[in-house]
Amino acid sequence: MPLQNTNEIDVISLNREKGIVTLGIIDSLEWENEEEHLLLLQEKINVYLRFIESGEIYSVYEDAKEREFEIKIYFKNPFPDNCKDFLKKVSDILNGAGYYFNFQVGI
């Protein structure tokens, strides 16, 4: 249930080939309540941004120094159309701020 733990970073990894640090969000929730689900995603993404921008990531993950960052959501379940719109907005905002954004379905 990592998505519900909005104040925790689920996964941190380094793609050595690309030199990018990926902060992963594990989303295994169903989509019965789309609005609540999207709010949890938004809150979790904001926590990740604060983790990066505050510099806390450097004290927790030494390989992050002088690296670019990606936030990636790993969805267990296919998402509805409303989520597609949300993901597009998130991508635009994060890319504009200098971060990569990605997601995949089927974890």
PDB file of N, CA and C in Angstrom:
ATOM      1  N   MET A   1       0.814  -1.202   0.000  1.00  0.00           N
ATOM      2  CA  MET A   1       0.000   0.000   0.000  1.00  0.00           C
ATOM      3  C   MET A   1       0.861   1.270   0.000  1.00  0.00           C
ATOM      4  N   PRO A   2       1.913   1.317  -0.765  1.00  0.00           N
ATOM      5  CA  PRO A   2       2.787   2.498  -0.739  1.00  0.00           C
ATOM      6  C   PRO A   2       2.119   3.821  -1.097  1.00  0.00           C
ATOM      7  N   LEU A   3       1.161   3.857  -2.023  1.00  0.00           N
ATOM      8  CA  LEU A   3       0.561   5.140  -2.399  1.00  0.00           C
ATOM      9  C   LEU A   3      -0.093   5.810  -1.198  1.00  0.00           C
ATOM     10  N   GLN A   4      -0.710   5.026  -0.331  1.00  0.00           N
ATOM     11  CA  GLN A   4      -1.356   5.597   0.845  1.00  0.00           C
ATOM     12  C   GLN A   4      -0.343   6.189   1.822  1.00  0.00           C
ATOM     13  N   ASN A   5       0.886   5.731   1.783  1.00  0.00           N
ATOM     14  CA  ASN A   5       1.946   6.276   2.639  1.00  0.00           C
ATOM     15  C   ASN A   5       2.534   7.489   1.927  1.00  0.00           C
ATOM     16  N   THR A   6       1.776   8.576   1.935  1.00  0.00           N
ATOM     17  CA  THR A   6       2.136   9.733   1.119  1.00  0.00           C
ATOM     18  C   THR A   6       3.400  10.445   1.584  1.00  0.00           C
ATOM     19  N   ASN A   7       3.841  10.207   2.797  1.00  0.00           N
ATOM     20  CA  ASN A   7       5.040  10.889   3.285  1.00  0.00           C
ATOM     21  C   ASN A   7       6.307  10.056   3.146  1.00  0.00           C
ATOM     22  N   GLU A   8       6.239   8.975   2.383  1.00  0.00           N
ATOM     23  CA  GLU A   8       7.393   8.101   2.208  1.00  0.00           C
ATOM     24  C   GLU A   8       7.757   8.002   0.737  1.00  0.00           C
ATOM     25  N   ILE A   9       9.042   7.846   0.473  1.00  0.00           N
ATOM     26  CA  ILE A   9       9.516   7.581  -0.872  1.00  0.00           C
ATOM     27  C   ILE A   9       9.491   6.062  -1.062  1.00  0.00           C
ATOM     28  N   ASP A  10       8.809   5.592  -2.099  1.00  0.00           N
ATOM     29  CA  ASP A  10       8.646   4.150  -2.293  1.00  0.00           C
ATOM     30  C   ASP A  10       9.923   3.498  -2.814  1.00  0.00           C
ATOM     31  N   VAL A  11      10.510   4.072  -3.869  1.00  0.00           N
ATOM     32  CA  VAL A  11      11.659   3.464  -4.525  1.00  0.00           C
ATOM     33  C   VAL A  11      12.601   4.558  -5.021  1.00  0.00           C
ATOM     34  N   ILE A  12      13.895   4.362  -4.807  1.00  0.00           N
ATOM     35  CA  ILE A  12      14.914   5.236  -5.404  1.00  0.00           C
ATOM     36  C   ILE A  12      15.900   4.321  -6.119  1.00  0.00           C
ATOM     37  N   SER A  13      16.172   4.651  -7.384  1.00  0.00           N
ATOM     38  CA  SER A  13      17.138   3.839  -8.124  1.00  0.00           C
ATOM     39  C   SER A  13      17.915   4.727  -9.086  1.00  0.00           C
ATOM     40  N   LEU A  14      19.016   4.198  -9.551  1.00  0.00           N
ATOM     41  CA  LEU A  14      19.859   4.927 -10.487  1.00  0.00           C
ATOM     42  C   LEU A  14      19.935   4.154 -11.796  1.00  0.00           C
ATOM     43  N   ASN A  15      19.563   4.826 -12.875  1.00  0.00           N
ATOM     44  CA  ASN A  15      19.753   4.276 -14.203  1.00  0.00           C
ATOM     45  C   ASN A  15      21.147   4.698 -14.630  1.00  0.00           C
ATOM     46  N   ARG A  16      22.100   3.826 -14.447  1.00  0.00           N
ATOM     47  CA  ARG A  16      23.502   4.166 -14.727  1.00  0.00           C
ATOM     48  C   ARG A  16      23.735   4.478 -16.195  1.00  0.00           C
ATOM     49  N   GLU A  17      23.002   3.827 -17.062  1.00  0.00           N
ATOM     50  CA  GLU A  17      23.144   4.068 -18.497  1.00  0.00           C
ATOM     51  C   GLU A  17      22.780   5.515 -18.856  1.00  0.00           C
ATOM     52  N   LYS A  18      21.677   6.002 -18.294  1.00  0.00           N
ATOM     53  CA  LYS A  18      21.220   7.365 -18.579  1.00  0.00           C
ATOM     54  C   LYS A  18      21.719   8.380 -17.555  1.00  0.00           C
ATOM     55  N   GLY A  19      22.180   7.895 -16.408  1.00  0.00           N
ATOM     56  CA  GLY A  19      22.655   8.795 -15.369  1.00  0.00           C
ATOM     57  C   GLY A  19      21.547   9.533 -14.654  1.00  0.00           C
ATOM     58  N   ILE A  20      20.367   8.962 -14.642  1.00  0.00           N
ATOM     59  CA  ILE A  20      19.191   9.603 -14.050  1.00  0.00           C
ATOM     60  C   ILE A  20      18.770   8.854 -12.785  1.00  0.00           C
ATOM     61  N   VAL A  21      18.453   9.604 -11.734  1.00  0.00           N
ATOM     62  CA  VAL A  21      17.913   9.014 -10.512  1.00  0.00           C
ATOM     63  C   VAL A  21      16.394   8.968 -10.646  1.00  0.00           C
ATOM     64  N   THR A  22      15.836   7.777 -10.485  1.00  0.00           N
ATOM     65  CA  THR A  22      14.394   7.602 -10.570  1.00  0.00           C
ATOM     66  C   THR A  22      13.813   7.427  -9.180  1.00  0.00           C
ATOM     67  N   LEU A  23      12.805   8.232  -8.895  1.00  0.00           N
ATOM     68  CA  LEU A  23      12.035   8.088  -7.662  1.00  0.00           C
ATOM     69  C   LEU A  23      10.696   7.491  -8.067  1.00  0.00           C
ATOM     70  N   GLY A  24      10.457   6.257  -7.627  1.00  0.00           N
ATOM     71  CA  GLY A  24       9.272   5.530  -8.058  1.00  0.00           C
ATOM     72  C   GLY A  24       8.141   5.588  -7.060  1.00  0.00           C
ATOM     73  N   ILE A  25       6.940   5.731  -7.603  1.00  0.00           N
ATOM     74  CA  ILE A  25       5.706   5.671  -6.816  1.00  0.00           C
ATOM     75  C   ILE A  25       5.019   4.363  -7.173  1.00  0.00           C
ATOM     76  N   ILE A  26       4.748   3.540  -6.175  1.00  0.00           N
ATOM     77  CA  ILE A  26       4.057   2.268  -6.385  1.00  0.00           C
ATOM     78  C   ILE A  26       2.571   2.490  -6.140  1.00  0.00           C
ATOM     79  N   ASP A  27       1.769   2.324  -7.197  1.00  0.00           N
ATOM     80  CA  ASP A  27       0.323   2.544  -7.100  1.00  0.00           C
ATOM     81  C   ASP A  27      -0.389   1.228  -7.383  1.00  0.00           C
ATOM     82  N   SER A  28      -0.824   0.569  -6.330  1.00  0.00           N
ATOM     83  CA  SER A  28      -1.527  -0.701  -6.475  1.00  0.00           C
ATOM     84  C   SER A  28      -3.018  -0.576  -6.158  1.00  0.00           C
ATOM     85  N   LEU A  29      -3.483   0.649  -6.023  1.00  0.00           N
ATOM     86  CA  LEU A  29      -4.893   0.875  -5.688  1.00  0.00           C
ATOM     87  C   LEU A  29      -5.807   0.628  -6.881  1.00  0.00           C
ATOM     88  N   GLU A  30      -7.039   0.262  -6.580  1.00  0.00           N
ATOM     89  CA  GLU A  30      -8.094   0.198  -7.592  1.00  0.00           C
ATOM     90  C   GLU A  30      -8.585   1.625  -7.847  1.00  0.00           C
ATOM     91  N   TRP A  31      -9.458   1.777  -8.832  1.00  0.00           N
ATOM     92  CA  TRP A  31      -9.913   3.114  -9.225  1.00  0.00           C
ATOM     93  C   TRP A  31     -11.389   3.368  -8.885  1.00  0.00           C
ATOM     94  N   GLU A  32     -11.892   2.762  -7.794  1.00  0.00           N
ATOM     95  CA  GLU A  32     -13.294   2.970  -7.425  1.00  0.00           C
ATOM     96  C   GLU A  32     -13.598   4.445  -7.155  1.00  0.00           C
ATOM     97  N   ASN A  33     -12.698   5.106  -6.444  1.00  0.00           N
ATOM     98  CA  ASN A  33     -12.873   6.526  -6.128  1.00  0.00           C
ATOM     99  C   ASN A  33     -11.772   7.311  -6.848  1.00  0.00           C
ATOM    100  N   GLU A  34     -12.056   7.690  -8.090  1.00  0.00           N
ATOM    101  CA  GLU A  34     -11.048   8.348  -8.927  1.00  0.00           C
ATOM    102  C   GLU A  34     -10.526   9.639  -8.299  1.00  0.00           C
ATOM    103  N   GLU A  35     -11.434  10.443  -7.769  1.00  0.00           N
ATOM    104  CA  GLU A  35     -11.029  11.731  -7.220  1.00  0.00           C
ATOM    105  C   GLU A  35     -10.052  11.557  -6.056  1.00  0.00           C
ATOM    106  N   GLU A  36     -10.363  10.669  -5.137  1.00  0.00           N
ATOM    107  CA  GLU A  36      -9.469  10.419  -3.998  1.00  0.00           C
ATOM    108  C   GLU A  36      -8.132   9.847  -4.463  1.00  0.00           C
ATOM    109  N   HIS A  37      -8.193   8.960  -5.419  1.00  0.00           N
ATOM    110  CA  HIS A  37      -6.987   8.332  -5.956  1.00  0.00           C
ATOM    111  C   HIS A  37      -6.071   9.393  -6.580  1.00  0.00           C
ATOM    112  N   LEU A  38      -6.635  10.279  -7.387  1.00  0.00           N
ATOM    113  CA  LEU A  38      -5.840  11.332  -8.022  1.00  0.00           C
ATOM    114  C   LEU A  38      -5.275  12.306  -6.988  1.00  0.00           C
ATOM    115  N   LEU A  39      -6.029  12.577  -5.937  1.00  0.00           N
ATOM    116  CA  LEU A  39      -5.516  13.443  -4.875  1.00  0.00           C
ATOM    117  C   LEU A  39      -4.325  12.797  -4.163  1.00  0.00           C
ATOM    118  N   LEU A  40      -4.396  11.478  -3.927  1.00  0.00           N
ATOM    119  CA  LEU A  40      -3.270  10.772  -3.323  1.00  0.00           C
ATOM    120  C   LEU A  40      -2.038  10.837  -4.226  1.00  0.00           C
ATOM    121  N   LEU A  41      -2.242  10.652  -5.523  1.00  0.00           N
ATOM    122  CA  LEU A  41      -1.127  10.754  -6.462  1.00  0.00           C
ATOM    123  C   LEU A  41      -0.514  12.149  -6.441  1.00  0.00           C
ATOM    124  N   GLN A  42      -1.371  13.152  -6.447  1.00  0.00           N
ATOM    125  CA  GLN A  42      -0.880  14.531  -6.421  1.00  0.00           C
ATOM    126  C   GLN A  42      -0.082  14.804  -5.151  1.00  0.00           C
ATOM    127  N   GLU A  43      -0.601  14.356  -4.021  1.00  0.00           N
ATOM    128  CA  GLU A  43       0.088  14.565  -2.752  1.00  0.00           C
ATOM    129  C   GLU A  43       1.444  13.845  -2.736  1.00  0.00           C
ATOM    130  N   LYS A  44       1.469  12.619  -3.254  1.00  0.00           N
ATOM    131  CA  LYS A  44       2.711  11.839  -3.275  1.00  0.00           C
ATOM    132  C   LYS A  44       3.745  12.503  -4.186  1.00  0.00           C
ATOM    133  N   ILE A  45       3.328  12.979  -5.336  1.00  0.00           N
ATOM    134  CA  ILE A  45       4.239  13.668  -6.255  1.00  0.00           C
ATOM    135  C   ILE A  45       4.806  14.918  -5.592  1.00  0.00           C
ATOM    136  N   ASN A  46       3.971  15.665  -4.895  1.00  0.00           N
ATOM    137  CA  ASN A  46       4.440  16.867  -4.188  1.00  0.00           C
ATOM    138  C   ASN A  46       5.471  16.521  -3.113  1.00  0.00           C
ATOM    139  N   VAL A  47       5.267  15.411  -2.415  1.00  0.00           N
ATOM    140  CA  VAL A  47       6.241  14.955  -1.415  1.00  0.00           C
ATOM    141  C   VAL A  47       7.573  14.650  -2.102  1.00  0.00           C
ATOM    142  N   TYR A  48       7.518  14.002  -3.243  1.00  0.00           N
ATOM    143  CA  TYR A  48       8.740  13.674  -3.976  1.00  0.00           C
ATOM    144  C   TYR A  48       9.463  14.947  -4.410  1.00  0.00           C
ATOM    145  N   LEU A  49       8.721  15.925  -4.889  1.00  0.00           N
ATOM    146  CA  LEU A  49       9.341  17.190  -5.307  1.00  0.00           C
ATOM    147  C   LEU A  49      10.005  17.893  -4.123  1.00  0.00           C
ATOM    148  N   ARG A  50       9.328  17.909  -2.975  1.00  0.00           N
ATOM    149  CA  ARG A  50       9.928  18.519  -1.781  1.00  0.00           C
ATOM    150  C   ARG A  50      11.193  17.770  -1.369  1.00  0.00           C
ATOM    151  N   PHE A  51      11.177  16.450  -1.483  1.00  0.00           N
ATOM    152  CA  PHE A  51      12.325  15.605  -1.145  1.00  0.00           C
ATOM    153  C   PHE A  51      13.536  15.968  -2.014  1.00  0.00           C
ATOM    154  N   ILE A  52      13.282  16.206  -3.287  1.00  0.00           N
ATOM    155  CA  ILE A  52      14.362  16.589  -4.200  1.00  0.00           C
ATOM    156  C   ILE A  52      14.793  18.028  -3.953  1.00  0.00           C
ATOM    157  N   GLU A  53      13.832  18.936  -3.970  1.00  0.00           N
ATOM    158  CA  GLU A  53      14.140  20.368  -3.921  1.00  0.00           C
ATOM    159  C   GLU A  53      14.717  20.814  -2.579  1.00  0.00           C
ATOM    160  N   SER A  54      14.403  20.113  -1.512  1.00  0.00           N
ATOM    161  CA  SER A  54      14.955  20.452  -0.202  1.00  0.00           C
ATOM    162  C   SER A  54      16.404  19.980  -0.070  1.00  0.00           C
ATOM    163  N   GLY A  55      16.812  19.087  -0.971  1.00  0.00           N
ATOM    164  CA  GLY A  55      18.147  18.512  -0.889  1.00  0.00           C
ATOM    165  C   GLY A  55      18.225  17.286   0.000  1.00  0.00           C
ATOM    166  N   GLU A  56      17.115  16.912   0.602  1.00  0.00           N
ATOM    167  CA  GLU A  56      17.100  15.747   1.489  1.00  0.00           C
ATOM    168  C   GLU A  56      17.548  14.480   0.754  1.00  0.00           C
ATOM    169  N   ILE A  57      17.242  14.398  -0.524  1.00  0.00           N
ATOM    170  CA  ILE A  57      17.617  13.215  -1.298  1.00  0.00           C
ATOM    171  C   ILE A  57      19.120  12.955  -1.236  1.00  0.00           C
ATOM    172  N   TYR A  58      19.913  14.016  -1.170  1.00  0.00           N
ATOM    173  CA  TYR A  58      21.369  13.846  -1.176  1.00  0.00           C
ATOM    174  C   TYR A  58      21.888  13.206   0.107  1.00  0.00           C
ATOM    175  N   SER A  59      21.173  13.404   1.200  1.00  0.00           N
ATOM    176  CA  SER A  59      21.596  12.783   2.452  1.00  0.00           C
ATOM    177  C   SER A  59      21.121  11.331   2.549  1.00  0.00           C
ATOM    178  N   VAL A  60      20.116  10.985   1.771  1.00  0.00           N
ATOM    179  CA  VAL A  60      19.558   9.637   1.807  1.00  0.00           C
ATOM    180  C   VAL A  60      20.136   8.749   0.705  1.00  0.00           C
ATOM    181  N   TYR A  61      20.431   9.365  -0.438  1.00  0.00           N
ATOM    182  CA  TYR A  61      20.873   8.594  -1.609  1.00  0.00           C
ATOM    183  C   TYR A  61      22.070   9.299  -2.234  1.00  0.00           C
ATOM    184  N   GLU A  62      23.240   8.860  -1.836  1.00  0.00           N
ATOM    185  CA  GLU A  62      24.481   9.527  -2.228  1.00  0.00           C
ATOM    186  C   GLU A  62      24.679   9.596  -3.747  1.00  0.00           C
ATOM    187  N   ASP A  63      24.218   8.584  -4.482  1.00  0.00           N
ATOM    188  CA  ASP A  63      24.364   8.578  -5.937  1.00  0.00           C
ATOM    189  C   ASP A  63      23.557   9.675  -6.634  1.00  0.00           C
ATOM    190  N   ALA A  64      22.736  10.401  -5.905  1.00  0.00           N
ATOM    191  CA  ALA A  64      21.914  11.457  -6.507  1.00  0.00           C
ATOM    192  C   ALA A  64      22.707  12.724  -6.819  1.00  0.00           C
ATOM    193  N   LYS A  65      23.863  12.840  -6.231  1.00  0.00           N
ATOM    194  CA  LYS A  65      24.649  14.066  -6.427  1.00  0.00           C
ATOM    195  C   LYS A  65      24.977  14.263  -7.900  1.00  0.00           C
ATOM    196  N   GLU A  66      24.733  15.491  -8.350  1.00  0.00           N
ATOM    197  CA  GLU A  66      25.018  15.920  -9.720  1.00  0.00           C
ATOM    198  C   GLU A  66      24.282  15.077 -10.762  1.00  0.00           C
ATOM    199  N   ARG A  67      23.089  14.627 -10.444  1.00  0.00           N
ATOM    200  CA  ARG A  67      22.265  13.825 -11.362  1.00  0.00           C
ATOM    201  C   ARG A  67      20.957  14.555 -11.676  1.00  0.00           C
ATOM    202  N   GLU A  68      20.344  14.135 -12.770  1.00  0.00           N
ATOM    203  CA  GLU A  68      18.997  14.581 -13.092  1.00  0.00           C
ATOM    204  C   GLU A  68      18.020  13.603 -12.451  1.00  0.00           C
ATOM    205  N   PHE A  69      16.757  14.040 -12.337  1.00  0.00           N
ATOM    206  CA  PHE A  69      15.760  13.239 -11.632  1.00  0.00           C
ATOM    207  C   PHE A  69      14.553  12.935 -12.501  1.00  0.00           C
ATOM    208  N   GLU A  70      14.017  11.747 -12.242  1.00  0.00           N
ATOM    209  CA  GLU A  70      12.784  11.308 -12.882  1.00  0.00           C
ATOM    210  C   GLU A  70      11.835  10.847 -11.780  1.00  0.00           C
ATOM    211  N   ILE A  71      10.581  11.217 -11.911  1.00  0.00           N
ATOM    212  CA  ILE A  71       9.536  10.660 -11.052  1.00  0.00           C
ATOM    213  C   ILE A  71       8.743   9.717 -11.941  1.00  0.00           C
ATOM    214  N   LYS A  72       8.610   8.470 -11.486  1.00  0.00           N
ATOM    215  CA  LYS A  72       7.928   7.456 -12.286  1.00  0.00           C
ATOM    216  C   LYS A  72       6.868   6.775 -11.436  1.00  0.00           C
ATOM    217  N   ILE A  73       5.663   6.646 -11.997  1.00  0.00           N
ATOM    218  CA  ILE A  73       4.573   5.960 -11.312  1.00  0.00           C
ATOM    219  C   ILE A  73       4.431   4.566 -11.902  1.00  0.00           C
ATOM    220  N   TYR A  74       4.425   3.572 -11.031  1.00  0.00           N
ATOM    221  CA  TYR A  74       4.230   2.179 -11.425  1.00  0.00           C
ATOM    222  C   TYR A  74       2.802   1.797 -11.038  1.00  0.00           C
ATOM    223  N   PHE A  75       1.904   1.784 -12.011  1.00  0.00           N
ATOM    224  CA  PHE A  75       0.500   1.443 -11.770  1.00  0.00           C
ATOM    225  C   PHE A  75       0.311  -0.057 -11.858  1.00  0.00           C
ATOM    226  N   LYS A  76      -0.375  -0.620 -10.884  1.00  0.00           N
ATOM    227  CA  LYS A  76      -0.736  -2.037 -10.956  1.00  0.00           C
ATOM    228  C   LYS A  76      -1.913  -2.219 -11.912  1.00  0.00           C
ATOM    229  N   ASN A  77      -2.855  -1.280 -11.864  1.00  0.00           N
ATOM    230  CA  ASN A  77      -4.104  -1.401 -12.614  1.00  0.00           C
ATOM    231  C   ASN A  77      -4.197  -0.341 -13.708  1.00  0.00           C
ATOM    232  N   PRO A  78      -4.835  -0.683 -14.826  1.00  0.00           N
ATOM    233  CA  PRO A  78      -5.074   0.326 -15.859  1.00  0.00           C
ATOM    234  C   PRO A  78      -5.852   1.499 -15.266  1.00  0.00           C
ATOM    235  N   PHE A  79      -5.586   2.679 -15.776  1.00  0.00           N
ATOM    236  CA  PHE A  79      -6.219   3.868 -15.207  1.00  0.00           C
ATOM    237  C   PHE A  79      -7.277   4.440 -16.158  1.00  0.00           C
ATOM    238  N   PRO A  80      -8.248   5.186 -15.592  1.00  0.00           N
ATOM    239  CA  PRO A  80      -9.325   5.771 -16.405  1.00  0.00           C
ATOM    240  C   PRO A  80      -8.847   7.005 -17.178  1.00  0.00           C
ATOM    241  N   ASP A  81      -9.703   7.487 -18.071  1.00  0.00           N
ATOM    242  CA  ASP A  81      -9.373   8.649 -18.900  1.00  0.00           C
ATOM    243  C   ASP A  81      -9.030   9.886 -18.075  1.00  0.00           C
ATOM    244  N   ASN A  82      -9.708  10.088 -16.944  1.00  0.00           N
ATOM    245  CA  ASN A  82      -9.399  11.253 -16.099  1.00  0.00           C
ATOM    246  C   ASN A  82      -7.941  11.238 -15.652  1.00  0.00           C
ATOM    247  N   CYS A  83      -7.419  10.054 -15.435  1.00  0.00           N
ATOM    248  CA  CYS A  83      -6.027   9.935 -15.012  1.00  0.00           C
ATOM    249  C   CYS A  83      -5.094  10.298 -16.157  1.00  0.00           C
ATOM    250  N   LYS A  84      -5.464   9.973 -17.376  1.00  0.00           N
ATOM    251  CA  LYS A  84      -4.646  10.344 -18.533  1.00  0.00           C
ATOM    252  C   LYS A  84      -4.462  11.854 -18.596  1.00  0.00           C
ATOM    253  N   ASP A  85      -5.555  12.580 -18.375  1.00  0.00           N
ATOM    254  CA  ASP A  85      -5.490  14.044 -18.372  1.00  0.00           C
ATOM    255  C   ASP A  85      -4.582  14.539 -17.241  1.00  0.00           C
ATOM    256  N   PHE A  86      -4.727  13.951 -16.075  1.00  0.00           N
ATOM    257  CA  PHE A  86      -3.904  14.299 -14.922  1.00  0.00           C
ATOM    258  C   PHE A  86      -2.418  14.052 -15.221  1.00  0.00           C
ATOM    259  N   LEU A  87      -2.118  12.888 -15.785  1.00  0.00           N
ATOM    260  CA  LEU A  87      -0.730  12.537 -16.090  1.00  0.00           C
ATOM    261  C   LEU A  87      -0.119  13.489 -17.114  1.00  0.00           C
ATOM    262  N   LYS A  88      -0.901  13.918 -18.076  1.00  0.00           N
ATOM    263  CA  LYS A  88      -0.419  14.880 -19.075  1.00  0.00           C
ATOM    264  C   LYS A  88      -0.063  16.199 -18.406  1.00  0.00           C
ATOM    265  N   LYS A  89      -0.917  16.675 -17.506  1.00  0.00           N
ATOM    266  CA  LYS A  89      -0.648  17.922 -16.785  1.00  0.00           C
ATOM    267  C   LYS A  89       0.594  17.794 -15.908  1.00  0.00           C
ATOM    268  N   VAL A  90       0.704  16.685 -15.203  1.00  0.00           N
ATOM    269  CA  VAL A  90       1.867  16.448 -14.352  1.00  0.00           C
ATOM    270  C   VAL A  90       3.138  16.435 -15.198  1.00  0.00           C
ATOM    271  N   SER A  91       3.086  15.753 -16.326  1.00  0.00           N
ATOM    272  CA  SER A  91       4.236  15.678 -17.209  1.00  0.00           C
ATOM    273  C   SER A  91       4.666  17.072 -17.673  1.00  0.00           C
ATOM    274  N   ASP A  92       3.711  17.879 -18.081  1.00  0.00           N
ATOM    275  CA  ASP A  92       4.019  19.240 -18.536  1.00  0.00           C
ATOM    276  C   ASP A  92       4.669  20.067 -17.431  1.00  0.00           C
ATOM    277  N   ILE A  93       4.132  19.966 -16.229  1.00  0.00           N
ATOM    278  CA  ILE A  93       4.654  20.741 -15.095  1.00  0.00           C
ATOM    279  C   ILE A  93       6.058  20.268 -14.720  1.00  0.00           C
ATOM    280  N   LEU A  94       6.234  18.963 -14.575  1.00  0.00           N
ATOM    281  CA  LEU A  94       7.539  18.440 -14.170  1.00  0.00           C
ATOM    282  C   LEU A  94       8.602  18.669 -15.246  1.00  0.00           C
ATOM    283  N   ASN A  95       8.251  18.458 -16.494  1.00  0.00           N
ATOM    284  CA  ASN A  95       9.207  18.708 -17.576  1.00  0.00           C
ATOM    285  C   ASN A  95       9.593  20.174 -17.613  1.00  0.00           C
ATOM    286  N   GLY A  96       8.634  21.048 -17.375  1.00  0.00           N
ATOM    287  CA  GLY A  96       8.907  22.483 -17.333  1.00  0.00           C
ATOM    288  C   GLY A  96       9.813  22.884 -16.177  1.00  0.00           C
ATOM    289  N   ALA A  97       9.797  22.093 -15.116  1.00  0.00           N
ATOM    290  CA  ALA A  97      10.636  22.362 -13.945  1.00  0.00           C
ATOM    291  C   ALA A  97      11.992  21.662 -14.041  1.00  0.00           C
ATOM    292  N   GLY A  98      12.228  20.948 -15.147  1.00  0.00           N
ATOM    293  CA  GLY A  98      13.524  20.312 -15.339  1.00  0.00           C
ATOM    294  C   GLY A  98      13.620  18.875 -14.874  1.00  0.00           C
ATOM    295  N   TYR A  99      12.484  18.244 -14.633  1.00  0.00           N
ATOM    296  CA  TYR A  99      12.467  16.851 -14.206  1.00  0.00           C
ATOM    297  C   TYR A  99      11.860  15.974 -15.297  1.00  0.00           C
ATOM    298  N   TYR A 100      12.222  14.714 -15.297  1.00  0.00           N
ATOM    299  CA  TYR A 100      11.600  13.753 -16.175  1.00  0.00           C
ATOM    300  C   TYR A 100      10.393  13.157 -15.461  1.00  0.00           C
ATOM    301  N   PHE A 101       9.413  12.716 -16.246  1.00  0.00           N
ATOM    302  CA  PHE A 101       8.238  12.073 -15.687  1.00  0.00           C
ATOM    303  C   PHE A 101       7.874  10.907 -16.584  1.00  0.00           C
ATOM    304  N   ASN A 102       7.512   9.791 -15.948  1.00  0.00           N
ATOM    305  CA  ASN A 102       7.171   8.596 -16.690  1.00  0.00           C
ATOM    306  C   ASN A 102       6.221   7.753 -15.876  1.00  0.00           C
ATOM    307  N   PHE A 103       5.582   6.795 -16.532  1.00  0.00           N
ATOM    308  CA  PHE A 103       4.712   5.852 -15.824  1.00  0.00           C
ATOM    309  C   PHE A 103       4.616   4.574 -16.636  1.00  0.00           C
ATOM    310  N   GLN A 104       4.211   3.513 -15.947  1.00  0.00           N
ATOM    311  CA  GLN A 104       3.960   2.245 -16.614  1.00  0.00           C
ATOM    312  C   GLN A 104       2.826   1.541 -15.902  1.00  0.00           C
ATOM    313  N   VAL A 105       2.118   0.711 -16.663  1.00  0.00           N
ATOM    314  CA  VAL A 105       1.004  -0.065 -16.119  1.00  0.00           C
ATOM    315  C   VAL A 105       1.418  -1.520 -16.105  1.00  0.00           C
ATOM    316  N   GLY A 106       1.104  -2.169 -14.999  1.00  0.00           N
ATOM    317  CA  GLY A 106       1.373  -3.596 -14.869  1.00  0.00           C
ATOM    318  C   GLY A 106       2.645  -3.874 -14.095  1.00  0.00           C
ATOM    319  N   ILE A 107       2.553  -3.784 -12.783  1.00  0.00           N
ATOM    320  CA  ILE A 107       3.724  -4.048 -11.954  1.00  0.00           C
ATOM    321  C   ILE A 107       3.648  -5.438 -11.368  1.00  0.00           C
TER     322      ILE A 107
END
